[in-house]
């Protein structure tokens, strides 16, 4: 029974104009940074799903020792990458965290989110800030077969969460970092400024309140 993380990095980054996985993040590439943050207890296995520009990104991922899965069907959408990652996760995996590479998260957020999820025996747990749901999404292993079947036409992870809305537990955080994402160069610069300002200020704390009634999933 393990805790696994699926890091989705197979998109075309068309609005960014360059692979988001290779963007500088601190003194690392974004994908390196996120692997390092994920690859800490309680996470025991990190699966990185690549697609577009895989030949450029793969050496970076392998250099830091993470497991690589190539999604040849990445042009069909993000759901295809989630299916590819979920397929290689062992059937007896206890907990799965799903995160996009353009949603950088510090290990303190990841650890607290997963630990709360496991301790409370939740089916699905997501971080939230001021009523807005963020990432990563943490899912009980019992739902792994459904992750392996998500489809773009049913809105992938968004549709999965909508189907299980009554099972989603929101863990509020006191930091906007759980909402950070980037699709354009401007959003990238804004995300860097916000993220590292929070880190320097010692942010990334979480609230003790837990919400069962969810909001519209913030999957984009």
N, C-alpha and C. Protein backbone atom coordinates (compact mmCIF):
# COMPACT_ATOMS: atom_id res chain seq x y z
N UNK A 1 0.86 -1.19 0.00
CA UNK A 1 0.00 0.00 0.00
C UNK A 1 0.89 1.23 0.00
N UNK A 2 0.88 1.99 -1.10
CA UNK A 2 1.79 3.12 -1.24
C UNK A 2 1.04 4.42 -1.49
N UNK A 3 1.78 5.51 -1.39
CA UNK A 3 1.29 6.83 -1.79
C UNK A 3 2.06 7.21 -3.04
N UNK A 4 1.34 7.47 -4.13
CA UNK A 4 1.97 7.81 -5.40
C UNK A 4 1.54 9.20 -5.85
N UNK A 5 2.37 9.82 -6.66
CA UNK A 5 2.04 11.11 -7.25
C UNK A 5 2.16 11.00 -8.77
N UNK A 6 1.18 11.56 -9.46
CA UNK A 6 1.20 11.64 -10.92
C UNK A 6 1.41 13.10 -11.30
N UNK A 7 2.53 13.40 -11.93
CA UNK A 7 2.84 14.76 -12.36
C UNK A 7 2.64 14.84 -13.87
N UNK A 8 1.67 15.63 -14.29
CA UNK A 8 1.31 15.73 -15.70
C UNK A 8 2.13 16.84 -16.37
N UNK A 9 2.93 16.45 -17.37
CA UNK A 9 3.79 17.41 -18.06
C UNK A 9 3.83 17.11 -19.55
N UNK A 10 2.68 16.73 -20.11
CA UNK A 10 2.65 16.32 -21.50
C UNK A 10 2.06 17.32 -22.47
N UNK A 11 1.62 18.47 -21.96
CA UNK A 11 0.95 19.44 -22.82
C UNK A 11 1.88 20.15 -23.79
N UNK A 12 1.27 20.87 -24.72
CA UNK A 12 2.04 21.55 -25.77
C UNK A 12 2.53 22.93 -25.36
N UNK A 13 2.06 23.47 -24.24
CA UNK A 13 2.50 24.79 -23.76
C UNK A 13 2.38 25.85 -24.84
N UNK A 14 1.31 25.78 -25.63
CA UNK A 14 1.18 26.65 -26.79
C UNK A 14 1.09 28.12 -26.40
N UNK A 15 0.40 28.43 -25.33
CA UNK A 15 0.27 29.84 -24.93
C UNK A 15 1.53 30.37 -24.26
N UNK A 16 2.34 29.47 -23.68
CA UNK A 16 3.59 29.89 -23.06
C UNK A 16 4.66 30.12 -24.11
N UNK A 17 4.61 29.37 -25.22
CA UNK A 17 5.60 29.53 -26.28
C UNK A 17 6.86 28.72 -26.07
N UNK A 18 6.95 27.99 -24.99
CA UNK A 18 8.08 27.11 -24.70
C UNK A 18 7.62 26.10 -23.67
N UNK A 19 8.29 24.96 -23.53
CA UNK A 19 7.83 23.94 -22.58
C UNK A 19 7.80 24.46 -21.15
N UNK A 20 6.64 24.42 -20.54
CA UNK A 20 6.53 24.91 -19.17
C UNK A 20 7.41 24.11 -18.21
N UNK A 21 7.56 22.82 -18.50
CA UNK A 21 8.37 21.97 -17.62
C UNK A 21 9.81 22.45 -17.50
N UNK A 22 10.31 23.15 -18.53
CA UNK A 22 11.71 23.57 -18.55
C UNK A 22 11.90 25.03 -18.13
N UNK A 23 10.85 25.69 -17.73
CA UNK A 23 10.98 27.08 -17.28
C UNK A 23 11.82 27.15 -16.00
N UNK A 24 12.65 28.18 -15.85
CA UNK A 24 13.40 28.34 -14.60
C UNK A 24 12.46 28.56 -13.42
N UNK A 25 12.76 27.87 -12.33
CA UNK A 25 11.97 28.05 -11.09
C UNK A 25 12.96 28.02 -9.94
N UNK A 26 13.28 29.20 -9.42
CA UNK A 26 14.38 29.28 -8.48
C UNK A 26 15.66 28.93 -9.21
N UNK A 27 16.43 28.01 -8.63
CA UNK A 27 17.67 27.59 -9.29
C UNK A 27 17.52 26.26 -10.00
N UNK A 28 16.27 25.88 -10.30
CA UNK A 28 15.99 24.61 -10.98
C UNK A 28 15.07 24.85 -12.17
N UNK A 29 14.87 23.80 -12.96
CA UNK A 29 13.79 23.80 -13.94
C UNK A 29 12.49 23.50 -13.19
N UNK A 30 11.37 23.96 -13.72
CA UNK A 30 10.10 23.79 -13.03
C UNK A 30 9.81 22.32 -12.75
N UNK A 31 10.06 21.44 -13.71
CA UNK A 31 9.77 20.02 -13.50
C UNK A 31 10.69 19.43 -12.44
N UNK A 32 11.95 19.85 -12.40
CA UNK A 32 12.87 19.39 -11.36
C UNK A 32 12.38 19.79 -9.98
N UNK A 33 12.00 21.06 -9.87
CA UNK A 33 11.53 21.57 -8.60
C UNK A 33 10.33 20.78 -8.10
N UNK A 34 9.37 20.53 -9.00
CA UNK A 34 8.16 19.87 -8.56
C UNK A 34 8.41 18.42 -8.20
N UNK A 35 9.30 17.76 -8.91
CA UNK A 35 9.66 16.38 -8.55
C UNK A 35 10.27 16.36 -7.16
N UNK A 36 11.19 17.28 -6.88
CA UNK A 36 11.83 17.34 -5.57
C UNK A 36 10.79 17.57 -4.46
N UNK A 37 9.81 18.41 -4.72
CA UNK A 37 8.79 18.70 -3.71
C UNK A 37 7.86 17.50 -3.50
N UNK A 38 7.58 16.77 -4.57
CA UNK A 38 6.70 15.61 -4.47
C UNK A 38 7.42 14.41 -3.85
N UNK A 39 8.68 14.26 -4.16
CA UNK A 39 9.41 13.06 -3.77
C UNK A 39 9.91 13.16 -2.33
N UNK A 40 8.99 13.34 -1.42
CA UNK A 40 9.26 13.41 0.01
C UNK A 40 8.19 12.60 0.72
N UNK A 41 8.50 12.04 1.89
CA UNK A 41 7.46 11.33 2.63
C UNK A 41 6.24 12.24 2.83
N UNK A 42 5.03 11.71 2.68
CA UNK A 42 4.66 10.30 2.57
C UNK A 42 4.62 9.76 1.15
N UNK A 43 4.99 10.57 0.13
CA UNK A 43 4.96 10.08 -1.26
C UNK A 43 6.12 9.10 -1.47
N UNK A 44 5.81 7.93 -2.01
CA UNK A 44 6.82 6.90 -2.23
C UNK A 44 7.15 6.69 -3.70
N UNK A 45 6.29 7.19 -4.59
CA UNK A 45 6.53 6.98 -6.02
C UNK A 45 6.04 8.20 -6.79
N UNK A 46 6.87 8.73 -7.68
CA UNK A 46 6.49 9.86 -8.53
C UNK A 46 6.55 9.42 -9.98
N UNK A 47 5.42 9.52 -10.67
CA UNK A 47 5.33 9.19 -12.09
C UNK A 47 5.15 10.49 -12.86
N UNK A 48 6.05 10.78 -13.78
CA UNK A 48 5.98 11.99 -14.59
C UNK A 48 5.52 11.60 -15.99
N UNK A 49 4.40 12.16 -16.43
CA UNK A 49 3.86 11.84 -17.74
C UNK A 49 4.27 12.93 -18.73
N UNK A 50 5.00 12.53 -19.77
CA UNK A 50 5.47 13.45 -20.79
C UNK A 50 4.75 13.18 -22.11
N UNK A 51 4.77 14.17 -22.99
CA UNK A 51 4.16 14.03 -24.30
C UNK A 51 4.88 14.92 -25.29
N UNK A 52 4.39 16.16 -25.44
CA UNK A 52 5.03 17.12 -26.34
C UNK A 52 6.43 17.46 -25.82
N UNK A 53 7.40 17.51 -26.73
CA UNK A 53 8.79 17.81 -26.39
C UNK A 53 9.38 16.84 -25.37
N UNK A 54 8.89 15.61 -25.38
CA UNK A 54 9.38 14.62 -24.42
C UNK A 54 10.88 14.40 -24.53
N UNK A 55 11.40 14.48 -25.76
CA UNK A 55 12.83 14.24 -25.95
C UNK A 55 13.69 15.30 -25.26
N UNK A 56 13.15 16.50 -25.07
CA UNK A 56 13.88 17.56 -24.37
C UNK A 56 13.70 17.48 -22.86
N UNK A 57 12.51 17.08 -22.43
CA UNK A 57 12.20 17.09 -21.00
C UNK A 57 12.68 15.82 -20.30
N UNK A 58 12.63 14.70 -21.02
CA UNK A 58 12.96 13.41 -20.39
C UNK A 58 14.33 13.38 -19.72
N UNK A 59 15.40 13.88 -20.36
CA UNK A 59 16.71 13.83 -19.68
C UNK A 59 16.72 14.59 -18.36
N UNK A 60 15.99 15.68 -18.29
CA UNK A 60 15.92 16.46 -17.05
C UNK A 60 15.24 15.64 -15.95
N UNK A 61 14.15 14.97 -16.31
CA UNK A 61 13.40 14.16 -15.34
C UNK A 61 14.25 12.98 -14.89
N UNK A 62 14.88 12.31 -15.84
CA UNK A 62 15.67 11.13 -15.49
C UNK A 62 16.91 11.49 -14.67
N UNK A 63 17.43 12.68 -14.88
CA UNK A 63 18.60 13.12 -14.13
C UNK A 63 18.31 13.22 -12.64
N UNK A 64 17.07 13.55 -12.30
CA UNK A 64 16.71 13.64 -10.88
C UNK A 64 16.07 12.34 -10.39
N UNK A 65 16.07 11.31 -11.23
CA UNK A 65 15.69 9.99 -10.79
C UNK A 65 14.21 9.69 -10.72
N UNK A 66 13.40 10.46 -11.42
CA UNK A 66 11.96 10.19 -11.41
C UNK A 66 11.58 9.22 -12.53
N UNK A 67 10.43 8.60 -12.38
CA UNK A 67 9.93 7.64 -13.36
C UNK A 67 9.23 8.38 -14.50
N UNK A 68 9.52 8.01 -15.73
CA UNK A 68 8.97 8.68 -16.90
C UNK A 68 8.01 7.76 -17.64
N UNK A 69 6.85 8.31 -17.99
CA UNK A 69 5.90 7.63 -18.85
C UNK A 69 5.66 8.56 -20.05
N UNK A 70 5.73 8.03 -21.26
CA UNK A 70 5.48 8.83 -22.45
C UNK A 70 4.06 8.58 -22.93
N UNK A 71 3.30 9.64 -23.04
CA UNK A 71 1.94 9.57 -23.56
C UNK A 71 1.97 9.97 -25.03
N UNK A 72 1.90 8.98 -25.89
CA UNK A 72 1.95 9.25 -27.33
C UNK A 72 0.67 9.92 -27.82
N UNK A 73 -0.37 9.88 -27.01
CA UNK A 73 -1.67 10.44 -27.40
C UNK A 73 -1.91 11.81 -26.77
N UNK A 74 -0.85 12.52 -26.41
CA UNK A 74 -1.00 13.77 -25.67
C UNK A 74 -1.83 14.82 -26.41
N UNK A 75 -1.86 14.76 -27.75
CA UNK A 75 -2.64 15.75 -28.50
C UNK A 75 -4.14 15.58 -28.28
N UNK A 76 -4.54 14.47 -27.72
CA UNK A 76 -5.96 14.25 -27.46
C UNK A 76 -6.43 14.93 -26.17
N UNK A 77 -5.50 15.50 -25.43
CA UNK A 77 -5.89 16.25 -24.24
C UNK A 77 -5.28 15.72 -22.96
N UNK A 78 -5.47 16.48 -21.90
CA UNK A 78 -4.88 16.17 -20.60
C UNK A 78 -5.40 14.86 -20.02
N UNK A 79 -6.65 14.52 -20.33
CA UNK A 79 -7.21 13.29 -19.80
C UNK A 79 -6.39 12.08 -20.25
N UNK A 80 -5.84 12.13 -21.47
CA UNK A 80 -5.04 11.00 -21.95
C UNK A 80 -3.77 10.83 -21.13
N UNK A 81 -3.19 11.94 -20.67
CA UNK A 81 -2.00 11.86 -19.82
C UNK A 81 -2.34 11.32 -18.44
N UNK A 82 -3.49 11.73 -17.91
CA UNK A 82 -3.91 11.22 -16.61
C UNK A 82 -4.15 9.71 -16.69
N UNK A 83 -4.79 9.26 -17.76
CA UNK A 83 -5.01 7.82 -17.94
C UNK A 83 -3.67 7.08 -18.01
N UNK A 84 -2.72 7.64 -18.76
CA UNK A 84 -1.42 6.99 -18.93
C UNK A 84 -0.70 6.86 -17.58
N UNK A 85 -0.76 7.91 -16.79
CA UNK A 85 -0.12 7.85 -15.48
C UNK A 85 -0.82 6.89 -14.54
N UNK A 86 -2.16 6.92 -14.55
CA UNK A 86 -2.93 6.06 -13.65
C UNK A 86 -2.73 4.59 -13.99
N UNK A 87 -2.51 4.28 -15.25
CA UNK A 87 -2.34 2.88 -15.66
C UNK A 87 -1.11 2.23 -15.04
N UNK A 88 -0.06 3.01 -14.81
CA UNK A 88 1.17 2.42 -14.28
C UNK A 88 1.23 2.46 -12.76
N UNK A 89 0.27 3.11 -12.13
CA UNK A 89 0.20 3.11 -10.67
C UNK A 89 -0.33 1.75 -10.22
N UNK A 90 0.33 1.16 -9.26
CA UNK A 90 -0.02 -0.18 -8.80
C UNK A 90 -1.44 -0.24 -8.26
N UNK A 91 -2.10 -1.38 -8.46
CA UNK A 91 -3.49 -1.55 -8.04
C UNK A 91 -3.67 -1.40 -6.54
N UNK A 92 -2.64 -1.72 -5.76
CA UNK A 92 -2.78 -1.65 -4.30
C UNK A 92 -2.33 -0.31 -3.73
N UNK A 93 -2.15 0.70 -4.60
CA UNK A 93 -1.77 2.03 -4.13
C UNK A 93 -2.86 2.61 -3.24
N UNK A 94 -2.46 3.12 -2.12
CA UNK A 94 -3.42 3.62 -1.13
C UNK A 94 -3.96 5.00 -1.48
N UNK A 95 -3.07 5.86 -1.96
CA UNK A 95 -3.41 7.26 -2.18
C UNK A 95 -2.68 7.78 -3.41
N UNK A 96 -3.37 8.60 -4.22
CA UNK A 96 -2.76 9.18 -5.42
C UNK A 96 -2.95 10.69 -5.41
N UNK A 97 -1.85 11.43 -5.58
CA UNK A 97 -1.91 12.88 -5.73
C UNK A 97 -1.71 13.21 -7.20
N UNK A 98 -2.57 14.06 -7.75
CA UNK A 98 -2.49 14.43 -9.16
C UNK A 98 -2.19 15.92 -9.26
N UNK A 99 -1.15 16.26 -10.02
CA UNK A 99 -0.72 17.66 -10.12
C UNK A 99 -0.19 17.92 -11.52
N UNK A 100 -0.49 19.11 -12.06
CA UNK A 100 0.08 19.55 -13.34
C UNK A 100 1.41 20.24 -13.07
N UNK A 101 2.34 20.13 -14.01
CA UNK A 101 3.66 20.71 -13.82
C UNK A 101 3.60 22.24 -13.73
N UNK A 102 2.54 22.85 -14.30
CA UNK A 102 2.44 24.31 -14.25
C UNK A 102 1.71 24.80 -13.00
N UNK A 103 1.60 23.92 -11.99
CA UNK A 103 0.98 24.26 -10.72
C UNK A 103 1.97 23.98 -9.59
N UNK A 104 3.06 24.73 -9.50
CA UNK A 104 4.10 24.43 -8.50
C UNK A 104 3.56 24.49 -7.08
N UNK A 105 3.94 23.48 -6.29
CA UNK A 105 3.50 23.41 -4.90
C UNK A 105 4.67 23.00 -4.01
N UNK A 106 4.83 23.65 -2.88
CA UNK A 106 5.90 23.29 -1.95
C UNK A 106 5.56 22.01 -1.20
N UNK A 107 6.59 21.35 -0.73
CA UNK A 107 6.37 20.06 -0.07
C UNK A 107 5.49 20.19 1.17
N UNK A 108 5.53 21.32 1.86
CA UNK A 108 4.71 21.46 3.07
C UNK A 108 3.23 21.37 2.75
N UNK A 109 2.83 21.95 1.63
CA UNK A 109 1.43 21.85 1.20
C UNK A 109 1.09 20.41 0.85
N UNK A 110 1.95 19.76 0.08
CA UNK A 110 1.70 18.39 -0.37
C UNK A 110 1.61 17.44 0.83
N UNK A 111 2.55 17.56 1.75
CA UNK A 111 2.59 16.67 2.90
C UNK A 111 1.35 16.82 3.77
N UNK A 112 0.99 18.05 4.07
CA UNK A 112 -0.17 18.27 4.94
C UNK A 112 -1.46 17.80 4.29
N UNK A 113 -1.54 18.04 2.99
CA UNK A 113 -2.74 17.64 2.27
C UNK A 113 -2.90 16.12 2.29
N UNK A 114 -1.83 15.40 1.98
CA UNK A 114 -1.90 13.94 1.95
C UNK A 114 -2.10 13.37 3.35
N UNK A 115 -1.38 13.90 4.31
CA UNK A 115 -1.52 13.38 5.68
C UNK A 115 -2.93 13.58 6.21
N UNK A 116 -3.54 14.72 5.92
CA UNK A 116 -4.92 14.96 6.34
C UNK A 116 -5.86 14.00 5.64
N UNK A 117 -5.62 13.79 4.34
CA UNK A 117 -6.44 12.89 3.55
C UNK A 117 -6.43 11.48 4.12
N UNK A 118 -5.24 10.98 4.42
CA UNK A 118 -5.10 9.62 4.93
C UNK A 118 -5.67 9.50 6.34
N UNK A 119 -5.35 10.47 7.18
CA UNK A 119 -5.81 10.42 8.58
C UNK A 119 -7.33 10.42 8.66
N UNK A 120 -7.96 11.20 7.78
CA UNK A 120 -9.42 11.32 7.81
C UNK A 120 -10.12 10.26 6.97
N UNK A 121 -9.35 9.43 6.27
CA UNK A 121 -9.90 8.40 5.38
C UNK A 121 -10.85 9.00 4.34
N UNK A 122 -10.44 10.11 3.75
CA UNK A 122 -11.26 10.75 2.72
C UNK A 122 -11.17 9.98 1.41
N UNK A 123 -12.18 10.15 0.56
CA UNK A 123 -12.10 9.63 -0.80
C UNK A 123 -11.33 10.60 -1.69
N UNK A 124 -11.62 11.89 -1.55
CA UNK A 124 -10.96 12.92 -2.35
C UNK A 124 -10.71 14.13 -1.46
N UNK A 125 -9.52 14.68 -1.54
CA UNK A 125 -9.18 15.88 -0.77
C UNK A 125 -8.53 16.90 -1.71
N UNK A 126 -8.91 18.16 -1.55
CA UNK A 126 -8.33 19.23 -2.36
C UNK A 126 -8.06 20.43 -1.46
N UNK A 127 -6.99 21.17 -1.74
CA UNK A 127 -6.73 22.39 -0.97
C UNK A 127 -7.65 23.52 -1.43
N UNK A 128 -7.87 24.48 -0.57
CA UNK A 128 -8.70 25.62 -0.94
C UNK A 128 -8.15 26.88 -0.28
N UNK A 129 -8.42 28.01 -0.94
CA UNK A 129 -8.04 29.32 -0.40
C UNK A 129 -9.19 30.28 -0.64
N UNK A 130 -9.73 30.81 0.43
CA UNK A 130 -10.82 31.78 0.37
C UNK A 130 -11.97 31.31 -0.53
N UNK A 131 -12.34 30.06 -0.36
CA UNK A 131 -13.49 29.53 -1.08
C UNK A 131 -13.21 29.02 -2.48
N UNK A 132 -11.96 29.14 -2.94
CA UNK A 132 -11.60 28.65 -4.27
C UNK A 132 -10.79 27.37 -4.14
N UNK A 133 -11.17 26.37 -4.91
CA UNK A 133 -10.49 25.08 -4.83
C UNK A 133 -9.22 25.10 -5.67
N UNK A 134 -8.17 24.51 -5.11
CA UNK A 134 -6.88 24.50 -5.79
C UNK A 134 -6.38 23.10 -6.10
N UNK A 135 -5.07 22.95 -6.09
CA UNK A 135 -4.40 21.71 -6.47
C UNK A 135 -3.24 21.47 -5.51
N UNK A 136 -2.76 20.23 -5.38
CA UNK A 136 -3.16 19.03 -6.13
C UNK A 136 -4.45 18.41 -5.60
N UNK A 137 -5.00 17.51 -6.40
CA UNK A 137 -6.12 16.70 -5.97
C UNK A 137 -5.58 15.38 -5.45
N UNK A 138 -6.03 14.98 -4.27
CA UNK A 138 -5.58 13.72 -3.66
C UNK A 138 -6.75 12.75 -3.66
N UNK A 139 -6.52 11.56 -4.17
CA UNK A 139 -7.59 10.60 -4.42
C UNK A 139 -7.28 9.28 -3.74
N UNK A 140 -8.28 8.67 -3.15
CA UNK A 140 -8.13 7.34 -2.56
C UNK A 140 -7.88 6.30 -3.65
N UNK A 141 -7.04 5.32 -3.36
CA UNK A 141 -6.71 4.29 -4.34
C UNK A 141 -7.91 3.51 -4.83
N UNK A 142 -8.97 3.49 -4.04
CA UNK A 142 -10.19 2.80 -4.45
C UNK A 142 -10.75 3.37 -5.75
N UNK A 143 -10.44 4.64 -6.04
CA UNK A 143 -10.94 5.31 -7.24
C UNK A 143 -9.98 5.22 -8.42
N UNK A 144 -8.88 4.50 -8.26
CA UNK A 144 -7.89 4.38 -9.33
C UNK A 144 -8.49 3.86 -10.63
N UNK A 145 -9.36 2.85 -10.60
CA UNK A 145 -9.95 2.40 -11.87
C UNK A 145 -10.69 3.51 -12.62
N UNK A 146 -11.29 4.44 -11.89
CA UNK A 146 -11.99 5.55 -12.56
C UNK A 146 -11.00 6.53 -13.17
N UNK A 147 -9.87 6.76 -12.52
CA UNK A 147 -8.85 7.64 -13.09
C UNK A 147 -8.31 7.05 -14.39
N UNK A 148 -8.28 5.74 -14.48
CA UNK A 148 -7.78 5.09 -15.68
C UNK A 148 -8.77 5.19 -16.84
N UNK A 149 -9.99 5.65 -16.55
CA UNK A 149 -11.02 5.71 -17.59
C UNK A 149 -11.45 7.13 -17.94
N UNK A 150 -10.84 8.15 -17.34
CA UNK A 150 -11.29 9.52 -17.60
C UNK A 150 -11.13 9.84 -19.08
N UNK A 151 -12.05 10.64 -19.61
CA UNK A 151 -12.05 11.00 -21.02
C UNK A 151 -12.20 12.51 -21.17
N UNK A 152 -11.61 13.05 -22.22
CA UNK A 152 -11.70 14.48 -22.47
C UNK A 152 -13.15 14.91 -22.72
N UNK A 153 -13.92 14.05 -23.37
CA UNK A 153 -15.31 14.42 -23.68
C UNK A 153 -16.16 14.50 -22.41
N UNK A 154 -15.70 13.88 -21.34
CA UNK A 154 -16.41 14.00 -20.06
C UNK A 154 -15.63 14.92 -19.12
N UNK A 155 -14.78 15.77 -19.70
CA UNK A 155 -14.04 16.82 -19.00
C UNK A 155 -12.97 16.29 -18.05
N UNK A 156 -12.51 15.08 -18.30
CA UNK A 156 -11.36 14.55 -17.58
C UNK A 156 -11.49 14.62 -16.07
N UNK A 157 -10.47 15.18 -15.42
CA UNK A 157 -10.47 15.26 -13.96
C UNK A 157 -11.60 16.14 -13.45
N UNK A 158 -11.94 17.18 -14.21
CA UNK A 158 -13.05 18.05 -13.80
C UNK A 158 -14.34 17.23 -13.71
N UNK A 159 -14.61 16.44 -14.74
CA UNK A 159 -15.81 15.62 -14.73
C UNK A 159 -15.78 14.58 -13.62
N UNK A 160 -14.61 14.00 -13.39
CA UNK A 160 -14.43 13.04 -12.30
C UNK A 160 -14.80 13.68 -10.96
N UNK A 161 -14.32 14.89 -10.73
CA UNK A 161 -14.61 15.57 -9.47
C UNK A 161 -16.09 15.95 -9.36
N UNK A 162 -16.67 16.34 -10.48
CA UNK A 162 -18.09 16.69 -10.45
C UNK A 162 -18.94 15.46 -10.11
N UNK A 163 -18.56 14.30 -10.63
CA UNK A 163 -19.29 13.08 -10.33
C UNK A 163 -19.17 12.70 -8.86
N UNK A 164 -18.06 13.08 -8.24
CA UNK A 164 -17.81 12.74 -6.85
C UNK A 164 -17.87 13.96 -5.93
N UNK A 165 -18.62 14.97 -6.34
CA UNK A 165 -18.63 16.22 -5.58
C UNK A 165 -18.96 16.00 -4.10
N UNK A 166 -19.86 15.10 -3.82
CA UNK A 166 -20.25 14.84 -2.43
C UNK A 166 -19.12 14.22 -1.62
N UNK A 167 -18.12 13.67 -2.31
CA UNK A 167 -17.00 13.00 -1.64
C UNK A 167 -15.78 13.89 -1.48
N UNK A 168 -15.82 15.10 -2.05
CA UNK A 168 -14.66 15.98 -2.01
C UNK A 168 -14.61 16.73 -0.68
N UNK A 169 -13.49 16.60 0.01
CA UNK A 169 -13.23 17.35 1.24
C UNK A 169 -12.23 18.45 0.92
N UNK A 170 -12.58 19.69 1.25
CA UNK A 170 -11.66 20.80 1.02
C UNK A 170 -10.89 21.12 2.30
N UNK A 171 -9.58 21.18 2.18
CA UNK A 171 -8.73 21.56 3.29
C UNK A 171 -8.27 23.00 3.06
N UNK A 172 -8.81 23.95 3.81
CA UNK A 172 -8.43 25.35 3.58
C UNK A 172 -6.98 25.64 3.98
N UNK A 173 -6.33 26.41 3.16
CA UNK A 173 -4.99 26.91 3.45
C UNK A 173 -5.04 28.42 3.58
N UNK A 174 -4.08 28.96 4.30
CA UNK A 174 -4.01 30.41 4.50
C UNK A 174 -3.13 31.08 3.45
N UNK A 175 -2.82 30.37 2.39
CA UNK A 175 -1.95 30.90 1.36
C UNK A 175 -2.55 30.70 -0.02
N UNK A 176 -2.43 31.72 -0.85
CA UNK A 176 -2.93 31.67 -2.22
C UNK A 176 -2.09 30.75 -3.10
N UNK A 177 -0.99 30.24 -2.57
CA UNK A 177 -0.10 29.40 -3.38
C UNK A 177 -0.81 28.15 -3.90
N UNK A 178 -1.85 27.69 -3.20
CA UNK A 178 -2.55 26.48 -3.65
C UNK A 178 -3.37 26.73 -4.91
N UNK A 179 -3.48 27.99 -5.34
CA UNK A 179 -4.20 28.35 -6.55
C UNK A 179 -3.27 28.68 -7.71
N UNK A 180 -1.99 28.79 -7.46
CA UNK A 180 -1.04 29.26 -8.48
C UNK A 180 -1.01 28.32 -9.68
N UNK A 181 -1.09 28.91 -10.87
CA UNK A 181 -0.96 28.18 -12.12
C UNK A 181 -0.50 29.16 -13.18
N UNK A 182 -0.09 28.64 -14.33
CA UNK A 182 0.45 29.54 -15.36
C UNK A 182 0.26 28.94 -16.74
N UNK A 183 -0.23 29.78 -17.65
CA UNK A 183 -0.39 29.37 -19.05
C UNK A 183 0.29 30.31 -20.03
N UNK A 184 0.57 31.54 -19.59
CA UNK A 184 1.16 32.55 -20.45
C UNK A 184 2.42 33.11 -19.80
N UNK A 185 3.29 33.77 -20.57
CA UNK A 185 4.48 34.38 -19.97
C UNK A 185 4.15 35.36 -18.84
N UNK A 186 3.10 36.13 -19.01
CA UNK A 186 2.72 37.07 -17.95
C UNK A 186 2.31 36.32 -16.68
N UNK A 187 1.52 35.27 -16.83
CA UNK A 187 1.11 34.48 -15.67
C UNK A 187 2.31 33.82 -15.00
N UNK A 188 3.28 33.42 -15.80
CA UNK A 188 4.51 32.82 -15.27
C UNK A 188 5.25 33.82 -14.38
N UNK A 189 5.43 35.04 -14.86
CA UNK A 189 6.13 36.05 -14.07
C UNK A 189 5.35 36.38 -12.80
N UNK A 190 4.03 36.48 -12.91
CA UNK A 190 3.20 36.76 -11.74
C UNK A 190 3.27 35.61 -10.74
N UNK A 191 3.26 34.38 -11.25
CA UNK A 191 3.32 33.22 -10.38
C UNK A 191 4.64 33.16 -9.62
N UNK A 192 5.74 33.43 -10.30
CA UNK A 192 7.05 33.44 -9.64
C UNK A 192 7.10 34.46 -8.52
N UNK A 193 6.64 35.67 -8.83
CA UNK A 193 6.68 36.74 -7.82
C UNK A 193 5.85 36.37 -6.60
N UNK A 194 4.65 35.86 -6.84
CA UNK A 194 3.74 35.51 -5.74
C UNK A 194 4.29 34.34 -4.94
N UNK A 195 4.77 33.32 -5.64
CA UNK A 195 5.21 32.09 -5.00
C UNK A 195 6.41 32.33 -4.09
N UNK A 196 7.43 32.97 -4.63
CA UNK A 196 8.65 33.13 -3.84
C UNK A 196 8.52 34.21 -2.78
N UNK A 197 7.60 35.15 -2.98
CA UNK A 197 7.32 36.11 -1.91
C UNK A 197 6.68 35.38 -0.73
N UNK A 198 5.77 34.47 -1.00
CA UNK A 198 5.13 33.67 0.05
C UNK A 198 6.17 32.81 0.77
N UNK A 199 7.04 32.19 -0.01
CA UNK A 199 8.04 31.30 0.57
C UNK A 199 8.98 32.06 1.50
N UNK A 200 9.42 33.24 1.06
CA UNK A 200 10.31 34.05 1.88
C UNK A 200 9.63 34.54 3.14
N UNK A 201 8.31 34.73 3.05
CA UNK A 201 7.56 35.21 4.22
C UNK A 201 7.17 34.08 5.15
N UNK A 202 7.56 32.84 4.80
CA UNK A 202 7.23 31.71 5.65
C UNK A 202 5.78 31.29 5.55
N UNK A 203 5.17 31.47 4.36
CA UNK A 203 3.76 31.14 4.19
C UNK A 203 3.52 29.65 4.02
N UNK A 204 2.49 29.34 3.26
CA UNK A 204 2.11 27.96 2.97
C UNK A 204 1.53 27.24 4.18
N UNK A 205 1.00 27.97 5.13
CA UNK A 205 0.35 27.32 6.26
C UNK A 205 -1.06 26.91 5.88
N UNK A 206 -1.67 26.06 6.71
CA UNK A 206 -3.03 25.63 6.42
C UNK A 206 -3.94 25.93 7.59
N UNK A 207 -5.20 26.10 7.28
CA UNK A 207 -6.22 26.34 8.28
C UNK A 207 -6.65 25.02 8.89
N UNK A 208 -7.30 25.08 10.04
CA UNK A 208 -7.78 23.86 10.68
C UNK A 208 -9.19 23.51 10.26
N UNK A 209 -9.89 24.42 9.60
CA UNK A 209 -11.25 24.16 9.15
C UNK A 209 -11.23 23.23 7.95
N UNK A 210 -12.19 22.33 7.89
CA UNK A 210 -12.32 21.44 6.75
C UNK A 210 -13.71 21.60 6.18
N UNK A 211 -13.79 21.72 4.85
CA UNK A 211 -15.06 21.92 4.17
C UNK A 211 -15.44 20.70 3.37
N UNK A 212 -16.66 20.20 3.57
CA UNK A 212 -17.15 19.09 2.78
C UNK A 212 -17.87 19.57 1.55
N UNK A 213 -18.56 20.69 1.64
CA UNK A 213 -19.31 21.21 0.50
C UNK A 213 -18.34 21.94 -0.40
N UNK A 214 -18.17 21.44 -1.63
CA UNK A 214 -17.16 21.98 -2.51
C UNK A 214 -17.66 23.13 -3.37
N UNK A 215 -16.71 23.71 -4.08
CA UNK A 215 -16.99 24.75 -5.05
C UNK A 215 -16.66 24.20 -6.44
N UNK A 216 -16.86 24.98 -7.45
CA UNK A 216 -16.54 24.55 -8.81
C UNK A 216 -15.07 24.19 -8.90
N UNK A 217 -14.73 22.96 -9.31
CA UNK A 217 -13.34 22.56 -9.39
C UNK A 217 -12.53 23.50 -10.27
N UNK A 218 -11.33 23.84 -9.77
CA UNK A 218 -10.49 24.77 -10.51
C UNK A 218 -9.55 24.09 -11.48
N UNK A 219 -10.07 23.20 -12.32
CA UNK A 219 -9.24 22.52 -13.30
C UNK A 219 -9.31 23.26 -14.61
N UNK A 220 -8.15 23.67 -15.16
CA UNK A 220 -8.20 24.39 -16.42
C UNK A 220 -7.12 23.91 -17.35
